């Protein structure tokens, strides 16, 4: 718990899939989301080829599957069901953010 996995502003080279445990997503010092088992981390920086948009810190003991960014992009190109799953993840996060702004 308390280990920083991704730091806002750093270059994104890998995607993380949470196998078990939970992480907090922070903008500055503010917790904006929590992601548990099955969740994706770091996909936005890989897809957009931009720097990390948030800091990710483990909230408890957490295990990850780490996928290199280039391998992840190849996987998306070859497998439409994975691409759709990533799109659903992104739209769900966007919807959650919009609901918070109300």
PDB file of N, CA and C in Angstrom:
ATOM      1  N   UNK A   1       0.839  -1.195   0.000  1.00  0.00           N
ATOM      2  CA  UNK A   1       0.000   0.000   0.000  1.00  0.00           C
ATOM      3  C   UNK A   1       0.877   1.250   0.000  1.00  0.00           C
ATOM      4  N   UNK A   2       0.415   2.265  -0.726  1.00  0.00           N
ATOM      5  CA  UNK A   2       1.133   3.535  -0.758  1.00  0.00           C
ATOM      6  C   UNK A   2       2.232   3.627  -1.794  1.00  0.00           C
ATOM      7  N   UNK A   3       2.374   2.613  -2.638  1.00  0.00           N
ATOM      8  CA  UNK A   3       3.421   2.642  -3.665  1.00  0.00           C
ATOM      9  C   UNK A   3       2.914   3.361  -4.917  1.00  0.00           C
ATOM     10  N   UNK A   4       3.690   4.318  -5.415  1.00  0.00           N
ATOM     11  CA  UNK A   4       3.327   5.034  -6.633  1.00  0.00           C
ATOM     12  C   UNK A   4       3.713   4.185  -7.835  1.00  0.00           C
ATOM     13  N   UNK A   5       2.741   3.917  -8.696  1.00  0.00           N
ATOM     14  CA  UNK A   5       2.944   3.091  -9.885  1.00  0.00           C
ATOM     15  C   UNK A   5       3.186   3.974 -11.107  1.00  0.00           C
ATOM     16  N   UNK A   6       2.425   5.049 -11.212  1.00  0.00           N
ATOM     17  CA  UNK A   6       2.509   6.000 -12.319  1.00  0.00           C
ATOM     18  C   UNK A   6       2.539   7.396 -11.717  1.00  0.00           C
ATOM     19  N   UNK A   7       3.389   8.251 -12.267  1.00  0.00           N
ATOM     20  CA  UNK A   7       3.463   9.631 -11.802  1.00  0.00           C
ATOM     21  C   UNK A   7       2.975  10.573 -12.900  1.00  0.00           C
ATOM     22  N   UNK A   8       2.056  11.450 -12.547  1.00  0.00           N
ATOM     23  CA  UNK A   8       1.523  12.434 -13.492  1.00  0.00           C
ATOM     24  C   UNK A   8       2.674  13.184 -14.164  1.00  0.00           C
ATOM     25  N   UNK A   9       2.599  13.295 -15.498  1.00  0.00           N
ATOM     26  CA  UNK A   9       3.590  14.036 -16.258  1.00  0.00           C
ATOM     27  C   UNK A   9       4.723  13.202 -16.828  1.00  0.00           C
ATOM     28  N   UNK A  10       4.893  11.975 -16.338  1.00  0.00           N
ATOM     29  CA  UNK A  10       5.968  11.143 -16.875  1.00  0.00           C
ATOM     30  C   UNK A  10       5.562  10.539 -18.220  1.00  0.00           C
ATOM     31  N   UNK A  11       6.551  10.091 -18.974  1.00  0.00           N
ATOM     32  CA  UNK A  11       6.287   9.442 -20.256  1.00  0.00           C
ATOM     33  C   UNK A  11       5.638   8.089 -20.010  1.00  0.00           C
ATOM     34  N   UNK A  12       4.631   7.769 -20.809  1.00  0.00           N
ATOM     35  CA  UNK A  12       3.940   6.492 -20.668  1.00  0.00           C
ATOM     36  C   UNK A  12       4.491   5.456 -21.624  1.00  0.00           C
ATOM     37  N   UNK A  13       5.038   4.379 -21.079  1.00  0.00           N
ATOM     38  CA  UNK A  13       5.599   3.332 -21.930  1.00  0.00           C
ATOM     39  C   UNK A  13       4.917   1.992 -21.735  1.00  0.00           C
ATOM     40  N   UNK A  14       4.099   1.861 -20.694  1.00  0.00           N
ATOM     41  CA  UNK A  14       3.443   0.589 -20.394  1.00  0.00           C
ATOM     42  C   UNK A  14       2.018   0.808 -19.923  1.00  0.00           C
ATOM     43  N   UNK A  15       1.229  -0.223 -20.095  1.00  0.00           N
ATOM     44  CA  UNK A  15      -0.147  -0.278 -19.615  1.00  0.00           C
ATOM     45  C   UNK A  15      -0.173  -1.275 -18.462  1.00  0.00           C
ATOM     46  N   UNK A  16      -1.002  -1.027 -17.475  1.00  0.00           N
ATOM     47  CA  UNK A  16      -1.121  -1.917 -16.323  1.00  0.00           C
ATOM     48  C   UNK A  16      -2.554  -2.431 -16.229  1.00  0.00           C
ATOM     49  N   UNK A  17      -2.700  -3.722 -15.950  1.00  0.00           N
ATOM     50  CA  UNK A  17      -3.997  -4.314 -15.658  1.00  0.00           C
ATOM     51  C   UNK A  17      -3.948  -4.745 -14.195  1.00  0.00           C
ATOM     52  N   UNK A  18      -4.914  -4.297 -13.412  1.00  0.00           N
ATOM     53  CA  UNK A  18      -4.959  -4.665 -11.997  1.00  0.00           C
ATOM     54  C   UNK A  18      -5.437  -6.111 -11.888  1.00  0.00           C
ATOM     55  N   UNK A  19      -4.590  -6.971 -11.336  1.00  0.00           N
ATOM     56  CA  UNK A  19      -4.958  -8.377 -11.139  1.00  0.00           C
ATOM     57  C   UNK A  19      -5.740  -8.527  -9.837  1.00  0.00           C
ATOM     58  N   UNK A  20      -5.235  -7.939  -8.765  1.00  0.00           N
ATOM     59  CA  UNK A  20      -5.970  -7.898  -7.504  1.00  0.00           C
ATOM     60  C   UNK A  20      -5.514  -6.674  -6.731  1.00  0.00           C
ATOM     61  N   UNK A  21      -6.334  -6.279  -5.773  1.00  0.00           N
ATOM     62  CA  UNK A  21      -6.039  -5.070  -5.008  1.00  0.00           C
ATOM     63  C   UNK A  21      -6.781  -3.870  -5.565  1.00  0.00           C
ATOM     64  N   UNK A  22      -6.331  -2.680  -5.132  1.00  0.00           N
ATOM     65  CA  UNK A  22      -7.006  -1.449  -5.552  1.00  0.00           C
ATOM     66  C   UNK A  22      -6.000  -0.312  -5.586  1.00  0.00           C
ATOM     67  N   UNK A  23      -6.180   0.584  -6.555  1.00  0.00           N
ATOM     68  CA  UNK A  23      -5.325   1.763  -6.669  1.00  0.00           C
ATOM     69  C   UNK A  23      -6.168   3.022  -6.633  1.00  0.00           C
ATOM     70  N   UNK A  24      -5.531   4.119  -6.237  1.00  0.00           N
ATOM     71  CA  UNK A  24      -6.161   5.422  -6.272  1.00  0.00           C
ATOM     72  C   UNK A  24      -5.589   6.229  -7.417  1.00  0.00           C
ATOM     73  N   UNK A  25      -6.459   6.981  -8.084  1.00  0.00           N
ATOM     74  CA  UNK A  25      -6.053   7.866  -9.185  1.00  0.00           C
ATOM     75  C   UNK A  25      -6.111   9.287  -8.643  1.00  0.00           C
ATOM     76  N   UNK A  26      -4.990  10.006  -8.745  1.00  0.00           N
ATOM     77  CA  UNK A  26      -4.879  11.339  -8.155  1.00  0.00           C
ATOM     78  C   UNK A  26      -4.520  12.385  -9.204  1.00  0.00           C
ATOM     79  N   UNK A  27      -5.196  13.522  -9.150  1.00  0.00           N
ATOM     80  CA  UNK A  27      -4.812  14.731  -9.886  1.00  0.00           C
ATOM     81  C   UNK A  27      -4.329  15.690  -8.825  1.00  0.00           C
ATOM     82  N   UNK A  28      -3.036  15.992  -8.869  1.00  0.00           N
ATOM     83  CA  UNK A  28      -2.465  16.744  -7.761  1.00  0.00           C
ATOM     84  C   UNK A  28      -2.565  15.881  -6.521  1.00  0.00           C
ATOM     85  N   UNK A  29      -3.137  16.418  -5.457  1.00  0.00           N
ATOM     86  CA  UNK A  29      -3.321  15.644  -4.224  1.00  0.00           C
ATOM     87  C   UNK A  29      -4.743  15.134  -4.053  1.00  0.00           C
ATOM     88  N   UNK A  30      -5.599  15.349  -5.055  1.00  0.00           N
ATOM     89  CA  UNK A  30      -7.007  14.976  -4.936  1.00  0.00           C
ATOM     90  C   UNK A  30      -7.274  13.606  -5.546  1.00  0.00           C
ATOM     91  N   UNK A  31      -7.874  12.717  -4.759  1.00  0.00           N
ATOM     92  CA  UNK A  31      -8.300  11.404  -5.243  1.00  0.00           C
ATOM     93  C   UNK A  31      -9.500  11.602  -6.156  1.00  0.00           C
ATOM     94  N   UNK A  32      -9.378  11.164  -7.414  1.00  0.00           N
ATOM     95  CA  UNK A  32     -10.482  11.348  -8.363  1.00  0.00           C
ATOM     96  C   UNK A  32     -11.155  10.042  -8.758  1.00  0.00           C
ATOM     97  N   UNK A  33     -10.493   8.897  -8.472  1.00  0.00           N
ATOM     98  CA  UNK A  33     -11.077   7.611  -8.846  1.00  0.00           C
ATOM     99  C   UNK A  33     -10.340   6.508  -8.103  1.00  0.00           C
ATOM    100  N   UNK A  34     -11.007   5.362  -7.981  1.00  0.00           N
ATOM    101  CA  UNK A  34     -10.376   4.143  -7.481  1.00  0.00           C
ATOM    102  C   UNK A  34     -10.611   3.061  -8.514  1.00  0.00           C
ATOM    103  N   UNK A  35      -9.582   2.244  -8.755  1.00  0.00           N
ATOM    104  CA  UNK A  35      -9.669   1.183  -9.760  1.00  0.00           C
ATOM    105  C   UNK A  35      -9.259  -0.129  -9.106  1.00  0.00           C
ATOM    106  N   UNK A  36     -10.113  -1.152  -9.274  1.00  0.00           N
ATOM    107  CA  UNK A  36      -9.853  -2.459  -8.690  1.00  0.00           C
ATOM    108  C   UNK A  36      -9.539  -3.511  -9.738  1.00  0.00           C
ATOM    109  N   UNK A  37      -9.645  -4.764  -9.338  1.00  0.00           N
ATOM    110  CA  UNK A  37      -9.299  -5.908 -10.182  1.00  0.00           C
ATOM    111  C   UNK A  37      -9.981  -5.821 -11.546  1.00  0.00           C
ATOM    112  N   UNK A  38      -9.196  -6.048 -12.592  1.00  0.00           N
ATOM    113  CA  UNK A  38      -9.691  -5.991 -13.964  1.00  0.00           C
ATOM    114  C   UNK A  38      -9.559  -4.625 -14.601  1.00  0.00           C
ATOM    115  N   UNK A  39      -9.253  -3.610 -13.800  1.00  0.00           N
ATOM    116  CA  UNK A  39      -9.146  -2.248 -14.312  1.00  0.00           C
ATOM    117  C   UNK A  39      -7.853  -1.998 -15.070  1.00  0.00           C
ATOM    118  N   UNK A  40      -7.905  -1.040 -15.968  1.00  0.00           N
ATOM    119  CA  UNK A  40      -6.739  -0.641 -16.765  1.00  0.00           C
ATOM    120  C   UNK A  40      -6.150   0.646 -16.230  1.00  0.00           C
ATOM    121  N   UNK A  41      -4.831   0.751 -16.310  1.00  0.00           N
ATOM    122  CA  UNK A  41      -4.121   1.961 -15.908  1.00  0.00           C
ATOM    123  C   UNK A  41      -3.125   2.320 -16.995  1.00  0.00           C
ATOM    124  N   UNK A  42      -3.062   3.589 -17.326  1.00  0.00           N
ATOM    125  CA  UNK A  42      -2.024   4.051 -18.252  1.00  0.00           C
ATOM    126  C   UNK A  42      -2.359   3.937 -19.714  1.00  0.00           C
ATOM    127  N   UNK A  43      -3.563   3.519 -20.030  1.00  0.00           N
ATOM    128  CA  UNK A  43      -3.917   3.322 -21.441  1.00  0.00           C
ATOM    129  C   UNK A  43      -4.018   4.636 -22.205  1.00  0.00           C
ATOM    130  N   UNK A  44      -4.419   5.713 -21.541  1.00  0.00           N
ATOM    131  CA  UNK A  44      -4.576   6.987 -22.256  1.00  0.00           C
ATOM    132  C   UNK A  44      -3.234   7.480 -22.792  1.00  0.00           C
ATOM    133  N   UNK A  45      -2.198   7.408 -21.993  1.00  0.00           N
ATOM    134  CA  UNK A  45      -0.877   7.867 -22.438  1.00  0.00           C
ATOM    135  C   UNK A  45      -0.362   7.017 -23.598  1.00  0.00           C
ATOM    136  N   UNK A  46      -0.672   5.731 -23.579  1.00  0.00           N
ATOM    137  CA  UNK A  46      -0.225   4.835 -24.652  1.00  0.00           C
ATOM    138  C   UNK A  46      -0.989   5.146 -25.939  1.00  0.00           C
ATOM    139  N   UNK A  47      -2.299   5.247 -25.846  1.00  0.00           N
ATOM    140  CA  UNK A  47      -3.127   5.473 -27.038  1.00  0.00           C
ATOM    141  C   UNK A  47      -2.846   6.844 -27.652  1.00  0.00           C
ATOM    142  N   UNK A  48      -2.744   7.872 -26.812  1.00  0.00           N
ATOM    143  CA  UNK A  48      -2.564   9.238 -27.302  1.00  0.00           C
ATOM    144  C   UNK A  48      -1.105   9.629 -27.521  1.00  0.00           C
ATOM    145  N   UNK A  49      -0.171   8.780 -27.050  1.00  0.00           N
ATOM    146  CA  UNK A  49       1.263   9.093 -27.101  1.00  0.00           C
ATOM    147  C   UNK A  49       1.539  10.432 -26.404  1.00  0.00           C
ATOM    148  N   UNK A  50       0.945  10.555 -25.211  1.00  0.00           N
ATOM    149  CA  UNK A  50       1.091  11.754 -24.383  1.00  0.00           C
ATOM    150  C   UNK A  50       1.683  11.354 -23.034  1.00  0.00           C
ATOM    151  N   UNK A  51       2.001  12.345 -22.233  1.00  0.00           N
ATOM    152  CA  UNK A  51       2.507  12.075 -20.883  1.00  0.00           C
ATOM    153  C   UNK A  51       1.353  11.616 -19.985  1.00  0.00           C
ATOM    154  N   UNK A  52       1.686  11.015 -18.868  1.00  0.00           N
ATOM    155  CA  UNK A  52       0.675  10.499 -17.926  1.00  0.00           C
ATOM    156  C   UNK A  52      -0.187  11.643 -17.409  1.00  0.00           C
ATOM    157  N   UNK A  53      -1.493  11.400 -17.336  1.00  0.00           N
ATOM    158  CA  UNK A  53      -2.440  12.452 -16.956  1.00  0.00           C
ATOM    159  C   UNK A  53      -2.761  12.462 -15.467  1.00  0.00           C
ATOM    160  N   UNK A  54      -2.314  11.458 -14.733  1.00  0.00           N
ATOM    161  CA  UNK A  54      -2.613  11.373 -13.298  1.00  0.00           C
ATOM    162  C   UNK A  54      -1.555  10.518 -12.615  1.00  0.00           C
ATOM    163  N   UNK A  55      -1.553  10.579 -11.298  1.00  0.00           N
ATOM    164  CA  UNK A  55      -0.679   9.730 -10.492  1.00  0.00           C
ATOM    165  C   UNK A  55      -1.508   8.563  -9.970  1.00  0.00           C
ATOM    166  N   UNK A  56      -0.938   7.363 -10.022  1.00  0.00           N
ATOM    167  CA  UNK A  56      -1.611   6.156  -9.558  1.00  0.00           C
ATOM    168  C   UNK A  56      -0.820   5.594  -8.382  1.00  0.00           C
ATOM    169  N   UNK A  57      -1.514   5.381  -7.258  1.00  0.00           N
ATOM    170  CA  UNK A  57      -0.877   4.864  -6.053  1.00  0.00           C
ATOM    171  C   UNK A  57      -1.692   3.690  -5.523  1.00  0.00           C
ATOM    172  N   UNK A  58      -1.011   2.635  -5.087  1.00  0.00           N
ATOM    173  CA  UNK A  58      -1.723   1.480  -4.542  1.00  0.00           C
ATOM    174  C   UNK A  58      -2.377   1.853  -3.212  1.00  0.00           C
ATOM    175  N   UNK A  59      -3.603   1.387  -3.020  1.00  0.00           N
ATOM    176  CA  UNK A  59      -4.330   1.628  -1.775  1.00  0.00           C
ATOM    177  C   UNK A  59      -4.188   0.454  -0.817  1.00  0.00           C
ATOM    178  N   UNK A  60      -3.862  -0.707  -1.356  1.00  0.00           N
ATOM    179  CA  UNK A  60      -3.576  -1.894  -0.559  1.00  0.00           C
ATOM    180  C   UNK A  60      -2.643  -2.779  -1.389  1.00  0.00           C
ATOM    181  N   UNK A  61      -2.362  -3.986  -0.902  1.00  0.00           N
ATOM    182  CA  UNK A  61      -1.482  -4.869  -1.670  1.00  0.00           C
ATOM    183  C   UNK A  61      -2.119  -5.140  -3.024  1.00  0.00           C
ATOM    184  N   UNK A  62      -1.373  -4.873  -4.092  1.00  0.00           N
ATOM    185  CA  UNK A  62      -1.920  -4.925  -5.447  1.00  0.00           C
ATOM    186  C   UNK A  62      -0.945  -5.630  -6.383  1.00  0.00           C
ATOM    187  N   UNK A  63      -1.483  -6.447  -7.278  1.00  0.00           N
ATOM    188  CA  UNK A  63      -0.677  -7.102  -8.315  1.00  0.00           C
ATOM    189  C   UNK A  63      -1.135  -6.612  -9.672  1.00  0.00           C
ATOM    190  N   UNK A  64      -0.183  -6.523 -10.629  1.00  0.00           N
ATOM    191  CA  UNK A  64      -0.476  -6.015 -11.966  1.00  0.00           C
ATOM    192  C   UNK A  64       0.065  -6.944 -13.037  1.00  0.00           C
ATOM    193  N   UNK A  65      -0.579  -6.899 -14.186  1.00  0.00           N
ATOM    194  CA  UNK A  65      -0.013  -7.406 -15.433  1.00  0.00           C
ATOM    195  C   UNK A  65       0.465  -6.160 -16.154  1.00  0.00           C
ATOM    196  N   UNK A  66       1.730  -6.141 -16.576  1.00  0.00           N
ATOM    197  CA  UNK A  66       2.299  -4.979 -17.259  1.00  0.00           C
ATOM    198  C   UNK A  66       2.495  -5.346 -18.726  1.00  0.00           C
ATOM    199  N   UNK A  67       1.972  -4.485 -19.615  1.00  0.00           N
ATOM    200  CA  UNK A  67       2.069  -4.709 -21.059  1.00  0.00           C
ATOM    201  C   UNK A  67       2.777  -3.514 -21.677  1.00  0.00           C
ATOM    202  N   UNK A  68       3.829  -3.784 -22.441  1.00  0.00           N
ATOM    203  CA  UNK A  68       4.546  -2.708 -23.135  1.00  0.00           C
ATOM    204  C   UNK A  68       3.590  -1.974 -24.078  1.00  0.00           C
ATOM    205  N   UNK A  69       3.743  -0.670 -24.179  1.00  0.00           N
ATOM    206  CA  UNK A  69       2.848   0.150 -24.990  1.00  0.00           C
ATOM    207  C   UNK A  69       2.737  -0.301 -26.434  1.00  0.00           C
ATOM    208  N   UNK A  70       3.861  -0.619 -27.068  1.00  0.00           N
ATOM    209  CA  UNK A  70       3.832  -1.070 -28.469  1.00  0.00           C
ATOM    210  C   UNK A  70       3.061  -2.384 -28.602  1.00  0.00           C
ATOM    211  N   UNK A  71       3.250  -3.291 -27.656  1.00  0.00           N
ATOM    212  CA  UNK A  71       2.526  -4.567 -27.686  1.00  0.00           C
ATOM    213  C   UNK A  71       1.031  -4.345 -27.488  1.00  0.00           C
ATOM    214  N   UNK A  72       0.680  -3.413 -26.617  1.00  0.00           N
ATOM    215  CA  UNK A  72      -0.724  -3.101 -26.379  1.00  0.00           C
ATOM    216  C   UNK A  72      -1.388  -2.555 -27.642  1.00  0.00           C
ATOM    217  N   UNK A  73      -0.709  -1.647 -28.338  1.00  0.00           N
ATOM    218  CA  UNK A  73      -1.273  -1.083 -29.566  1.00  0.00           C
ATOM    219  C   UNK A  73      -1.455  -2.157 -30.637  1.00  0.00           C
ATOM    220  N   UNK A  74      -0.505  -3.060 -30.753  1.00  0.00           N
ATOM    221  CA  UNK A  74      -0.637  -4.177 -31.705  1.00  0.00           C
ATOM    222  C   UNK A  74      -1.823  -5.057 -31.331  1.00  0.00           C
ATOM    223  N   UNK A  75      -2.003  -5.289 -30.043  1.00  0.00           N
ATOM    224  CA  UNK A  75      -3.127  -6.091 -29.559  1.00  0.00           C
ATOM    225  C   UNK A  75      -4.457  -5.434 -29.921  1.00  0.00           C
ATOM    226  N   UNK A  76      -4.553  -4.120 -29.752  1.00  0.00           N
ATOM    227  CA  UNK A  76      -5.780  -3.399 -30.120  1.00  0.00           C
ATOM    228  C   UNK A  76      -6.059  -3.490 -31.610  1.00  0.00           C
ATOM    229  N   UNK A  77      -5.007  -3.393 -32.428  1.00  0.00           N
ATOM    230  CA  UNK A  77      -5.168  -3.458 -33.880  1.00  0.00           C
ATOM    231  C   UNK A  77      -5.652  -4.827 -34.342  1.00  0.00           C
ATOM    232  N   UNK A  78      -5.258  -5.864 -33.631  1.00  0.00           N
ATOM    233  CA  UNK A  78      -5.575  -7.232 -34.058  1.00  0.00           C
ATOM    234  C   UNK A  78      -6.846  -7.802 -33.445  1.00  0.00           C
ATOM    235  N   UNK A  79      -7.309  -7.224 -32.352  1.00  0.00           N
ATOM    236  CA  UNK A  79      -8.395  -7.847 -31.608  1.00  0.00           C
ATOM    237  C   UNK A  79      -9.484  -6.816 -31.290  1.00  0.00           C
ATOM    238  N   UNK A  80     -10.565  -6.868 -32.042  1.00  0.00           N
ATOM    239  CA  UNK A  80     -11.628  -5.875 -31.873  1.00  0.00           C
ATOM    240  C   UNK A  80     -12.321  -5.990 -30.528  1.00  0.00           C
ATOM    241  N   UNK A  81     -12.422  -7.178 -29.952  1.00  0.00           N
ATOM    242  CA  UNK A  81     -13.105  -7.300 -28.660  1.00  0.00           C
ATOM    243  C   UNK A  81     -12.309  -6.601 -27.558  1.00  0.00           C
ATOM    244  N   UNK A  82     -10.981  -6.637 -27.634  1.00  0.00           N
ATOM    245  CA  UNK A  82     -10.172  -5.913 -26.659  1.00  0.00           C
ATOM    246  C   UNK A  82     -10.308  -4.418 -26.890  1.00  0.00           C
ATOM    247  N   UNK A  83     -10.327  -4.005 -28.150  1.00  0.00           N
ATOM    248  CA  UNK A  83     -10.505  -2.583 -28.464  1.00  0.00           C
ATOM    249  C   UNK A  83     -11.827  -2.064 -27.910  1.00  0.00           C
ATOM    250  N   UNK A  84     -12.881  -2.834 -28.072  1.00  0.00           N
ATOM    251  CA  UNK A  84     -14.196  -2.437 -27.567  1.00  0.00           C
ATOM    252  C   UNK A  84     -14.174  -2.354 -26.048  1.00  0.00           C
ATOM    253  N   UNK A  85     -13.504  -3.288 -25.392  1.00  0.00           N
ATOM    254  CA  UNK A  85     -13.402  -3.268 -23.938  1.00  0.00           C
ATOM    255  C   UNK A  85     -12.683  -2.006 -23.455  1.00  0.00           C
ATOM    256  N   UNK A  86     -11.628  -1.606 -24.137  1.00  0.00           N
ATOM    257  CA  UNK A  86     -10.895  -0.396 -23.773  1.00  0.00           C
ATOM    258  C   UNK A  86     -11.773   0.836 -23.986  1.00  0.00           C
ATOM    259  N   UNK A  87     -12.502   0.870 -25.083  1.00  0.00           N
ATOM    260  CA  UNK A  87     -13.413   1.990 -25.359  1.00  0.00           C
ATOM    261  C   UNK A  87     -14.466   2.086 -24.250  1.00  0.00           C
ATOM    262  N   UNK A  88     -15.008   0.947 -23.831  1.00  0.00           N
ATOM    263  CA  UNK A  88     -16.001   0.947 -22.753  1.00  0.00           C
ATOM    264  C   UNK A  88     -15.405   1.473 -21.454  1.00  0.00           C
ATOM    265  N   UNK A  89     -14.164   1.088 -21.175  1.00  0.00           N
ATOM    266  CA  UNK A  89     -13.492   1.584 -19.968  1.00  0.00           C
ATOM    267  C   UNK A  89     -13.354   3.095 -20.019  1.00  0.00           C
ATOM    268  N   UNK A  90     -12.910   3.611 -21.152  1.00  0.00           N
ATOM    269  CA  UNK A  90     -12.707   5.050 -21.290  1.00  0.00           C
ATOM    270  C   UNK A  90     -14.015   5.823 -21.209  1.00  0.00           C
ATOM    271  N   UNK A  91     -15.055   5.323 -21.863  1.00  0.00           N
ATOM    272  CA  UNK A  91     -16.336   6.036 -21.821  1.00  0.00           C
ATOM    273  C   UNK A  91     -16.948   5.976 -20.429  1.00  0.00           C
ATOM    274  N   UNK A  92     -16.751   4.876 -19.720  1.00  0.00           N
ATOM    275  CA  UNK A  92     -17.248   4.772 -18.348  1.00  0.00           C
ATOM    276  C   UNK A  92     -16.573   5.805 -17.452  1.00  0.00           C
ATOM    277  N   UNK A  93     -15.270   5.971 -17.615  1.00  0.00           N
ATOM    278  CA  UNK A  93     -14.551   6.978 -16.824  1.00  0.00           C
ATOM    279  C   UNK A  93     -15.024   8.385 -17.166  1.00  0.00           C
ATOM    280  N   UNK A  94     -15.249   8.644 -18.435  1.00  0.00           N
ATOM    281  CA  UNK A  94     -15.728   9.956 -18.858  1.00  0.00           C
ATOM    282  C   UNK A  94     -17.103  10.232 -18.267  1.00  0.00           C
ATOM    283  N   UNK A  95     -17.985   9.247 -18.332  1.00  0.00           N
ATOM    284  CA  UNK A  95     -19.330   9.406 -17.777  1.00  0.00           C
ATOM    285  C   UNK A  95     -19.268   9.690 -16.273  1.00  0.00           C
ATOM    286  N   UNK A  96     -18.387   8.966 -15.565  1.00  0.00           N
ATOM    287  CA  UNK A  96     -18.238   9.172 -14.122  1.00  0.00           C
ATOM    288  C   UNK A  96     -17.744  10.591 -13.831  1.00  0.00           C
ATOM    289  N   UNK A  97     -16.803  11.079 -14.629  1.00  0.00           N
ATOM    290  CA  UNK A  97     -16.297  12.434 -14.445  1.00  0.00           C
ATOM    291  C   UNK A  97     -17.385  13.463 -14.690  1.00  0.00           C
ATOM    292  N   UNK A  98     -18.200  13.254 -15.710  1.00  0.00           N
ATOM    293  CA  UNK A  98     -19.281  14.183 -16.018  1.00  0.00           C
ATOM    294  C   UNK A  98     -20.338  14.206 -14.917  1.00  0.00           C
ATOM    295  N   UNK A  99     -20.599  13.058 -14.306  1.00  0.00           N
ATOM    296  CA  UNK A  99     -21.574  12.994 -13.228  1.00  0.00           C
ATOM    297  C   UNK A  99     -21.079  13.743 -11.992  1.00  0.00           C
ATOM    298  N   UNK A 100     -19.782  13.694 -11.732  1.00  0.00           N
ATOM    299  CA  UNK A 100     -19.195  14.389 -10.584  1.00  0.00           C
ATOM    300  C   UNK A 100     -19.314  15.899 -10.767  1.00  0.00           C
ATOM    301  N   UNK A 101     -19.222  16.373 -12.022  1.00  0.00           N
ATOM    302  CA  UNK A 101     -19.273  17.809 -12.304  1.00  0.00           C
ATOM    303  C   UNK A 101     -20.658  18.410 -12.133  1.00  0.00           C
ATOM    304  N   UNK A 102     -21.703  17.579 -12.051  1.00  0.00           N
ATOM    305  CA  UNK A 102     -23.072  18.100 -11.952  1.00  0.00           C
ATOM    306  C   UNK A 102     -23.287  18.860 -10.675  1.00  0.00           C
TER     307      UNK A 102
END
